[in-house]
Structures are given as C-alpha cells and as structure tokens.
Amino acid sequence: MQLFAFPFAGGSENCYRELSRTLSRVNLKVQPLPGRGSLIRQPCITCVDEMVDYIFQEIKTELYQPYALFGHS
C-alpha cells in the first residue's frame, strides 16, 4: 500500500524520516510542499484549493493501487 504523507504546517519532509524506518509493508511517499524542505525555493501556496490541486497533480499517477493519505498539523 502507498501511504502519502504530508508535513505539518511549516514543516518539511524530514519530519517523517524516523517513520519511514518503521514501516515494513507500506510504501511511504512523503510529498514535499512548495516553500518547504526540498522545494524551499518555490513560492508557498497560500490557498487550500491551490494546495489540493497541487497535491493531486503530484500524486494522481500513483492512485491506481491501494493508498492512504496522512497528515497532521
């Protein structure tokens, strides 16, 4: 199963580094967000609708198998 994880508000994909070591039967895919972590040079998204569109465009080709979304803030 794919587990798409989203960093907390203001966080980066590094927040899931330890979690990735503990999952054995789950493929953890951490989605960086513009303005954070590895995408720090891109402008931040300030509108929820834009964020949803951005995330969907990034993961839509991988939604053909079982998946779950995880995020917190």
N, C-alpha and C. Protein backbone atom coordinates (compact mmCIF):
# COMPACT_ATOMS: atom_id res chain seq x y z
N MET A 1 0.84 -1.18 0.00
CA MET A 1 0.00 0.00 0.00
C MET A 1 0.88 1.24 0.00
N GLN A 2 0.43 2.26 -0.71
CA GLN A 2 1.11 3.55 -0.71
C GLN A 2 0.53 4.39 0.43
N LEU A 3 1.40 5.02 1.18
CA LEU A 3 0.98 5.97 2.21
C LEU A 3 1.57 7.32 1.84
N PHE A 4 0.73 8.22 1.40
CA PHE A 4 1.16 9.58 1.06
C PHE A 4 1.09 10.42 2.33
N ALA A 5 2.23 10.93 2.74
CA ALA A 5 2.31 11.70 3.98
C ALA A 5 2.63 13.16 3.65
N PHE A 6 2.00 14.05 4.38
CA PHE A 6 2.17 15.48 4.16
C PHE A 6 2.69 16.11 5.45
N PRO A 7 3.76 16.90 5.36
CA PRO A 7 4.34 17.52 6.55
C PRO A 7 3.36 18.47 7.24
N PHE A 8 3.60 18.69 8.51
CA PHE A 8 2.80 19.64 9.28
C PHE A 8 3.04 21.06 8.75
N ALA A 9 2.17 21.96 9.11
CA ALA A 9 2.28 23.35 8.64
C ALA A 9 3.65 23.92 9.01
N GLY A 10 4.36 24.38 8.00
CA GLY A 10 5.69 24.94 8.21
C GLY A 10 6.80 23.90 8.25
N GLY A 11 6.44 22.61 8.18
CA GLY A 11 7.44 21.55 8.27
C GLY A 11 7.94 21.10 6.91
N SER A 12 8.88 20.18 6.93
CA SER A 12 9.44 19.64 5.70
C SER A 12 9.29 18.12 5.71
N GLU A 13 9.65 17.52 4.62
CA GLU A 13 9.53 16.07 4.50
C GLU A 13 10.42 15.32 5.50
N ASN A 14 11.38 15.98 6.07
CA ASN A 14 12.27 15.34 7.06
C ASN A 14 11.53 14.90 8.32
N CYS A 15 10.35 15.44 8.57
CA CYS A 15 9.62 15.08 9.79
C CYS A 15 9.19 13.61 9.78
N TYR A 16 9.22 12.95 8.63
CA TYR A 16 8.83 11.55 8.54
C TYR A 16 10.02 10.60 8.39
N ARG A 17 11.21 11.09 8.59
CA ARG A 17 12.41 10.26 8.43
C ARG A 17 12.37 9.03 9.33
N GLU A 18 12.04 9.20 10.60
CA GLU A 18 12.00 8.07 11.53
C GLU A 18 10.86 7.11 11.21
N LEU A 19 9.72 7.66 10.82
CA LEU A 19 8.57 6.81 10.49
C LEU A 19 8.90 5.87 9.33
N SER A 20 9.61 6.36 8.35
CA SER A 20 9.93 5.53 7.18
C SER A 20 10.74 4.30 7.55
N ARG A 21 11.48 4.37 8.64
CA ARG A 21 12.31 3.23 9.07
C ARG A 21 11.49 2.15 9.76
N THR A 22 10.28 2.49 10.22
CA THR A 22 9.48 1.54 10.99
C THR A 22 8.39 0.86 10.17
N LEU A 23 8.16 1.31 8.97
CA LEU A 23 7.11 0.73 8.13
C LEU A 23 7.70 -0.37 7.26
N SER A 24 7.12 -1.56 7.35
CA SER A 24 7.68 -2.66 6.57
C SER A 24 6.84 -3.00 5.34
N ARG A 25 5.53 -2.97 5.46
CA ARG A 25 4.69 -3.37 4.32
C ARG A 25 3.97 -2.18 3.69
N VAL A 26 4.46 -1.00 3.96
CA VAL A 26 3.86 0.22 3.44
C VAL A 26 4.93 1.00 2.69
N ASN A 27 4.58 1.49 1.54
CA ASN A 27 5.50 2.32 0.77
C ASN A 27 5.20 3.78 1.11
N LEU A 28 6.02 4.36 1.96
CA LEU A 28 5.83 5.74 2.40
C LEU A 28 6.31 6.70 1.33
N LYS A 29 5.42 7.59 0.92
CA LYS A 29 5.74 8.62 -0.07
C LYS A 29 5.45 9.96 0.59
N VAL A 30 6.49 10.67 0.96
CA VAL A 30 6.32 11.97 1.60
C VAL A 30 6.28 13.03 0.51
N GLN A 31 5.23 13.82 0.51
CA GLN A 31 5.03 14.83 -0.51
C GLN A 31 5.54 16.18 -0.02
N PRO A 32 6.66 16.66 -0.56
CA PRO A 32 7.12 18.00 -0.18
C PRO A 32 6.16 19.05 -0.73
N LEU A 33 6.05 20.13 -0.01
CA LEU A 33 5.17 21.21 -0.42
C LEU A 33 5.98 22.44 -0.79
N PRO A 34 5.53 23.20 -1.78
CA PRO A 34 6.26 24.40 -2.20
C PRO A 34 6.53 25.34 -1.03
N GLY A 35 7.76 25.85 -1.01
CA GLY A 35 8.17 26.77 0.05
C GLY A 35 8.70 26.10 1.30
N ARG A 36 8.78 24.76 1.26
CA ARG A 36 9.24 23.98 2.42
C ARG A 36 10.23 22.92 1.96
N GLY A 37 11.13 22.52 2.85
CA GLY A 37 12.03 21.40 2.59
C GLY A 37 12.75 21.49 1.26
N SER A 38 12.66 20.42 0.47
CA SER A 38 13.38 20.37 -0.81
C SER A 38 12.82 21.33 -1.85
N LEU A 39 11.65 21.90 -1.59
CA LEU A 39 11.04 22.87 -2.52
C LEU A 39 11.07 24.28 -1.95
N ILE A 40 12.02 24.55 -1.07
CA ILE A 40 12.10 25.83 -0.36
C ILE A 40 12.19 27.03 -1.31
N ARG A 41 12.74 26.84 -2.47
CA ARG A 41 12.90 27.97 -3.40
C ARG A 41 11.64 28.31 -4.18
N GLN A 42 10.64 27.46 -4.07
CA GLN A 42 9.37 27.74 -4.74
C GLN A 42 8.49 28.57 -3.81
N PRO A 43 7.63 29.41 -4.37
CA PRO A 43 6.73 30.19 -3.52
C PRO A 43 5.74 29.30 -2.77
N CYS A 44 5.45 29.66 -1.54
CA CYS A 44 4.47 28.92 -0.73
C CYS A 44 3.09 29.03 -1.37
N ILE A 45 2.31 27.99 -1.19
CA ILE A 45 0.91 28.02 -1.60
C ILE A 45 0.13 28.59 -0.41
N THR A 46 -0.72 29.56 -0.68
CA THR A 46 -1.44 30.22 0.41
C THR A 46 -2.94 29.94 0.41
N CYS A 47 -3.41 29.16 -0.53
CA CYS A 47 -4.84 28.88 -0.67
C CYS A 47 -5.05 27.36 -0.63
N VAL A 48 -6.00 26.91 0.16
CA VAL A 48 -6.25 25.48 0.29
C VAL A 48 -6.61 24.85 -1.06
N ASP A 49 -7.41 25.53 -1.85
CA ASP A 49 -7.79 24.99 -3.16
C ASP A 49 -6.56 24.77 -4.04
N GLU A 50 -5.64 25.71 -4.02
CA GLU A 50 -4.39 25.55 -4.79
C GLU A 50 -3.58 24.38 -4.28
N MET A 51 -3.54 24.20 -2.96
CA MET A 51 -2.77 23.11 -2.37
C MET A 51 -3.35 21.77 -2.79
N VAL A 52 -4.67 21.64 -2.76
CA VAL A 52 -5.32 20.40 -3.16
C VAL A 52 -5.00 20.10 -4.63
N ASP A 53 -5.13 21.10 -5.48
CA ASP A 53 -4.81 20.91 -6.90
C ASP A 53 -3.35 20.50 -7.09
N TYR A 54 -2.45 21.16 -6.38
CA TYR A 54 -1.02 20.86 -6.49
C TYR A 54 -0.75 19.41 -6.08
N ILE A 55 -1.27 19.01 -4.93
CA ILE A 55 -1.03 17.66 -4.43
C ILE A 55 -1.61 16.62 -5.38
N PHE A 56 -2.82 16.85 -5.85
CA PHE A 56 -3.43 15.90 -6.78
C PHE A 56 -2.58 15.73 -8.04
N GLN A 57 -2.11 16.83 -8.59
CA GLN A 57 -1.26 16.75 -9.79
C GLN A 57 0.02 15.95 -9.52
N GLU A 58 0.54 16.06 -8.31
CA GLU A 58 1.77 15.36 -7.96
C GLU A 58 1.58 13.85 -7.76
N ILE A 59 0.42 13.44 -7.27
CA ILE A 59 0.25 12.02 -6.91
C ILE A 59 -0.74 11.26 -7.80
N LYS A 60 -1.43 11.91 -8.70
CA LYS A 60 -2.53 11.28 -9.44
C LYS A 60 -2.11 10.03 -10.22
N THR A 61 -0.89 9.97 -10.70
CA THR A 61 -0.46 8.80 -11.47
C THR A 61 -0.19 7.59 -10.57
N GLU A 62 -0.19 7.79 -9.27
CA GLU A 62 0.09 6.69 -8.34
C GLU A 62 -1.14 6.23 -7.57
N LEU A 63 -2.31 6.68 -7.98
CA LEU A 63 -3.54 6.35 -7.27
C LEU A 63 -4.25 5.14 -7.86
N TYR A 64 -3.53 4.34 -8.61
CA TYR A 64 -4.10 3.16 -9.25
C TYR A 64 -4.09 1.93 -8.35
N GLN A 65 -3.45 2.00 -7.20
CA GLN A 65 -3.38 0.89 -6.25
C GLN A 65 -3.85 1.38 -4.89
N PRO A 66 -4.03 0.49 -3.93
CA PRO A 66 -4.49 0.92 -2.60
C PRO A 66 -3.56 2.00 -2.02
N TYR A 67 -4.16 3.01 -1.41
CA TYR A 67 -3.38 4.10 -0.84
C TYR A 67 -4.13 4.72 0.35
N ALA A 68 -3.39 5.45 1.12
CA ALA A 68 -3.94 6.22 2.23
C ALA A 68 -3.21 7.56 2.27
N LEU A 69 -3.89 8.55 2.82
CA LEU A 69 -3.31 9.88 2.99
C LEU A 69 -3.12 10.13 4.47
N PHE A 70 -1.98 10.72 4.85
CA PHE A 70 -1.72 11.03 6.25
C PHE A 70 -1.11 12.41 6.35
N GLY A 71 -1.62 13.18 7.25
CA GLY A 71 -1.07 14.49 7.53
C GLY A 71 -1.59 14.99 8.86
N HIS A 72 -0.89 15.90 9.44
CA HIS A 72 -1.33 16.49 10.71
C HIS A 72 -0.75 17.87 10.84
N SER A 73 -1.31 18.63 11.75
CA SER A 73 -0.79 19.97 11.97
C SER A 73 -1.08 20.39 13.39
